[in-house]
Amino acid sequence: MTLNKYLLVMAALTAICWGIFFFVAGLVDPTATNWLGFLLFYLSLFASLSGIIALIGFFFRFVIKKKELAFNSVKVAFRQSFLFSLFIISLLVLKSIDLFNWLNLSLLVIIFSILELFLINYKKSR
């Protein structure tokens, strides 16, 4: 798959995910829904955030690191967008169950930082 096709497909799927998210957000009543409504809400938000952050991250890497291969930029951008989206969703879930405080935020930042450092070092060791 060429880079242009990847970007086009990724942009189209991200737009579809955002459409699904807005549909689910308009459909789900947070005061009257069950766990399935919340699951659909968070999954659609996760997919939407992952797509848009991956595209933005790739464009920043493509502009800043012009000598790096586009394939490597795509991999790093997608990995980091996945982790950052998971971080945002984790914060929202903690907020929804009234467990969001500075200690939990600090622990999440440490956990995701260690995970990212592990993934970077795992790549270098292979």
C-alpha atoms as a PDB file:
ATOM      1  CA  MET A   1       0.000   0.000   0.000  1.00  0.00           C
ATOM      2  CA  THR A   2       1.400   3.369  -0.919  1.00  0.00           C
ATOM      3  CA  LEU A   3       1.620   6.236   1.497  1.00  0.00           C
ATOM      4  CA  ASN A   4      -1.062   8.231  -0.311  1.00  0.00           C
ATOM      5  CA  LYS A   5      -3.480   5.298  -0.208  1.00  0.00           C
ATOM      6  CA  TYR A   6      -2.765   4.759   3.482  1.00  0.00           C
ATOM      7  CA  LEU A   7      -3.410   8.407   4.293  1.00  0.00           C
ATOM      8  CA  LEU A   8      -6.600   8.446   2.236  1.00  0.00           C
ATOM      9  CA  VAL A   9      -7.940   5.248   3.824  1.00  0.00           C
ATOM     10  CA  MET A  10      -6.926   6.380   7.312  1.00  0.00           C
ATOM     11  CA  ALA A  11      -8.592   9.771   6.839  1.00  0.00           C
ATOM     12  CA  ALA A  12     -11.779   8.163   5.492  1.00  0.00           C
ATOM     13  CA  LEU A  13     -11.967   5.637   8.332  1.00  0.00           C
ATOM     14  CA  THR A  14     -11.285   8.338  10.898  1.00  0.00           C
ATOM     15  CA  ALA A  15     -14.125  10.417   9.467  1.00  0.00           C
ATOM     16  CA  ILE A  16     -16.423   7.374   9.663  1.00  0.00           C
ATOM     17  CA  CYS A  17     -15.344   6.764  13.269  1.00  0.00           C
ATOM     18  CA  TRP A  18     -16.103  10.373  14.171  1.00  0.00           C
ATOM     19  CA  GLY A  19     -19.521  10.009  12.553  1.00  0.00           C
ATOM     20  CA  ILE A  20     -20.172   6.864  14.585  1.00  0.00           C
ATOM     21  CA  PHE A  21     -18.999   8.628  17.743  1.00  0.00           C
ATOM     22  CA  PHE A  22     -21.356  11.574  17.237  1.00  0.00           C
ATOM     23  CA  PHE A  23     -24.193   9.169  16.449  1.00  0.00           C
ATOM     24  CA  VAL A  24     -23.544   7.160  19.621  1.00  0.00           C
ATOM     25  CA  ALA A  25     -23.068  10.321  21.719  1.00  0.00           C
ATOM     26  CA  GLY A  26     -26.417  11.626  20.506  1.00  0.00           C
ATOM     27  CA  LEU A  27     -28.119   8.300  21.058  1.00  0.00           C
ATOM     28  CA  VAL A  28     -26.779   7.353  24.497  1.00  0.00           C
ATOM     29  CA  ASP A  29     -28.300   8.984  27.552  1.00  0.00           C
ATOM     30  CA  PRO A  30     -25.632   8.768  30.280  1.00  0.00           C
ATOM     31  CA  THR A  31     -28.201   8.886  33.071  1.00  0.00           C
ATOM     32  CA  ALA A  32     -30.288   5.991  31.763  1.00  0.00           C
ATOM     33  CA  THR A  33     -27.926   3.699  29.850  1.00  0.00           C
ATOM     34  CA  ASN A  34     -26.337   0.416  30.875  1.00  0.00           C
ATOM     35  CA  TRP A  35     -22.742  -0.780  30.456  1.00  0.00           C
ATOM     36  CA  LEU A  36     -23.250  -1.435  26.728  1.00  0.00           C
ATOM     37  CA  GLY A  37     -24.026   2.226  26.043  1.00  0.00           C
ATOM     38  CA  PHE A  38     -20.898   3.312  27.871  1.00  0.00           C
ATOM     39  CA  LEU A  39     -18.831   0.657  26.091  1.00  0.00           C
ATOM     40  CA  LEU A  40     -20.027   1.843  22.675  1.00  0.00           C
ATOM     41  CA  PHE A  41     -19.361   5.451  23.642  1.00  0.00           C
ATOM     42  CA  TYR A  42     -15.815   4.803  24.841  1.00  0.00           C
ATOM     43  CA  LEU A  43     -14.949   2.435  21.973  1.00  0.00           C
ATOM     44  CA  SER A  44     -16.129   4.873  19.330  1.00  0.00           C
ATOM     45  CA  LEU A  45     -14.263   7.726  21.026  1.00  0.00           C
ATOM     46  CA  PHE A  46     -11.134   5.557  21.257  1.00  0.00           C
ATOM     47  CA  ALA A  47     -11.239   4.695  17.544  1.00  0.00           C
ATOM     48  CA  SER A  48     -11.862   8.326  16.589  1.00  0.00           C
ATOM     49  CA  LEU A  49      -9.069   9.675  18.764  1.00  0.00           C
ATOM     50  CA  SER A  50      -6.636   7.007  17.596  1.00  0.00           C
ATOM     51  CA  GLY A  51      -7.248   7.861  13.958  1.00  0.00           C
ATOM     52  CA  ILE A  52      -6.993  11.621  14.247  1.00  0.00           C
ATOM     53  CA  ILE A  53      -3.950  11.537  16.542  1.00  0.00           C
ATOM     54  CA  ALA A  54      -2.206   9.034  14.240  1.00  0.00           C
ATOM     55  CA  LEU A  55      -2.747  11.306  11.243  1.00  0.00           C
ATOM     56  CA  ILE A  56      -1.595  14.418  13.086  1.00  0.00           C
ATOM     57  CA  GLY A  57       1.402  12.594  14.566  1.00  0.00           C
ATOM     58  CA  PHE A  58       2.426  11.257  11.166  1.00  0.00           C
ATOM     59  CA  PHE A  59       2.237  14.696   9.560  1.00  0.00           C
ATOM     60  CA  PHE A  60       4.380  16.211  12.329  1.00  0.00           C
ATOM     61  CA  ARG A  61       6.940  13.428  11.980  1.00  0.00           C
ATOM     62  CA  PHE A  62       6.911  13.696   8.197  1.00  0.00           C
ATOM     63  CA  VAL A  63       7.620  17.434   8.355  1.00  0.00           C
ATOM     64  CA  ILE A  64      10.197  17.317  11.172  1.00  0.00           C
ATOM     65  CA  LYS A  65      12.082  14.121  10.296  1.00  0.00           C
ATOM     66  CA  LYS A  66      12.290  14.243   6.520  1.00  0.00           C
ATOM     67  CA  LYS A  67      15.067  11.634   6.301  1.00  0.00           C
ATOM     68  CA  GLU A  68      13.165   8.983   8.249  1.00  0.00           C
ATOM     69  CA  LEU A  69      11.260   6.379   6.283  1.00  0.00           C
ATOM     70  CA  ALA A  70       7.540   7.017   6.060  1.00  0.00           C
ATOM     71  CA  PHE A  71       6.827   3.444   7.175  1.00  0.00           C
ATOM     72  CA  ASN A  72       8.683   4.009  10.448  1.00  0.00           C
ATOM     73  CA  SER A  73       6.874   7.309  10.992  1.00  0.00           C
ATOM     74  CA  VAL A  74       3.528   5.601  10.438  1.00  0.00           C
ATOM     75  CA  LYS A  75       4.356   2.839  12.945  1.00  0.00           C
ATOM     76  CA  VAL A  76       5.514   5.239  15.649  1.00  0.00           C
ATOM     77  CA  ALA A  77       2.598   7.617  15.105  1.00  0.00           C
ATOM     78  CA  PHE A  78       0.044   4.811  15.278  1.00  0.00           C
ATOM     79  CA  ARG A  79       1.614   3.259  18.387  1.00  0.00           C
ATOM     80  CA  GLN A  80       1.715   6.580  20.193  1.00  0.00           C
ATOM     81  CA  SER A  81      -1.810   7.509  19.124  1.00  0.00           C
ATOM     82  CA  PHE A  82      -3.055   4.163  20.431  1.00  0.00           C
ATOM     83  CA  LEU A  83      -1.378   4.737  23.802  1.00  0.00           C
ATOM     84  CA  PHE A  84      -2.461   8.375  24.069  1.00  0.00           C
ATOM     85  CA  SER A  85      -6.062   7.497  23.190  1.00  0.00           C
ATOM     86  CA  LEU A  86      -6.016   4.742  25.778  1.00  0.00           C
ATOM     87  CA  PHE A  87      -4.671   7.269  28.290  1.00  0.00           C
ATOM     88  CA  ILE A  88      -7.493   9.737  27.513  1.00  0.00           C
ATOM     89  CA  ILE A  89     -10.151   7.014  27.732  1.00  0.00           C
ATOM     90  CA  SER A  90      -8.673   5.839  31.043  1.00  0.00           C
ATOM     91  CA  LEU A  91      -8.924   9.367  32.407  1.00  0.00           C
ATOM     92  CA  LEU A  92     -12.535   9.671  31.259  1.00  0.00           C
ATOM     93  CA  VAL A  93     -13.466   6.339  32.829  1.00  0.00           C
ATOM     94  CA  LEU A  94     -11.820   7.374  36.101  1.00  0.00           C
ATOM     95  CA  LYS A  95     -13.722  10.664  35.967  1.00  0.00           C
ATOM     96  CA  SER A  96     -17.028   8.894  35.328  1.00  0.00           C
ATOM     97  CA  ILE A  97     -16.631   6.684  38.399  1.00  0.00           C
ATOM     98  CA  ASP A  98     -15.369   9.566  40.583  1.00  0.00           C
ATOM     99  CA  LEU A  99     -11.809   8.247  40.955  1.00  0.00           C
ATOM    100  CA  PHE A 100     -10.039  11.001  39.055  1.00  0.00           C
ATOM    101  CA  ASN A 101      -7.516  12.761  41.291  1.00  0.00           C
ATOM    102  CA  TRP A 102      -3.908  13.862  41.076  1.00  0.00           C
ATOM    103  CA  LEU A 103      -2.566  10.580  42.448  1.00  0.00           C
ATOM    104  CA  ASN A 104      -4.368   8.451  39.856  1.00  0.00           C
ATOM    105  CA  LEU A 105      -3.324  10.881  37.135  1.00  0.00           C
ATOM    106  CA  SER A 106       0.299  10.601  38.247  1.00  0.00           C
ATOM    107  CA  LEU A 107       0.108   6.818  38.310  1.00  0.00           C
ATOM    108  CA  LEU A 108      -1.393   6.700  34.833  1.00  0.00           C
ATOM    109  CA  VAL A 109       1.298   9.015  33.468  1.00  0.00           C
ATOM    110  CA  ILE A 110       3.992   6.817  35.008  1.00  0.00           C
ATOM    111  CA  ILE A 111       2.400   3.597  33.721  1.00  0.00           C
ATOM    112  CA  PHE A 112       2.005   4.891  30.170  1.00  0.00           C
ATOM    113  CA  SER A 113       5.508   6.395  30.189  1.00  0.00           C
ATOM    114  CA  ILE A 114       7.007   3.069  31.270  1.00  0.00           C
ATOM    115  CA  LEU A 115       4.955   1.261  28.627  1.00  0.00           C
ATOM    116  CA  GLU A 116       6.159   3.626  25.901  1.00  0.00           C
ATOM    117  CA  LEU A 117       9.786   3.289  27.041  1.00  0.00           C
ATOM    118  CA  PHE A 118       9.406  -0.489  27.063  1.00  0.00           C
ATOM    119  CA  LEU A 119       8.028  -0.474  23.527  1.00  0.00           C
ATOM    120  CA  ILE A 120      10.847   1.770  22.318  1.00  0.00           C
ATOM    121  CA  ASN A 121      13.518  -0.447  23.906  1.00  0.00           C
ATOM    122  CA  TYR A 122      11.825  -3.634  22.695  1.00  0.00           C
ATOM    123  CA  LYS A 123      12.020  -2.325  19.131  1.00  0.00           C
ATOM    124  CA  LYS A 124      15.722  -1.506  19.491  1.00  0.00           C
ATOM    125  CA  SER A 125      16.547  -4.926  20.939  1.00  0.00           C
ATOM    126  CA  ARG A 126      14.961  -6.741  18.013  1.00  0.00           C
END
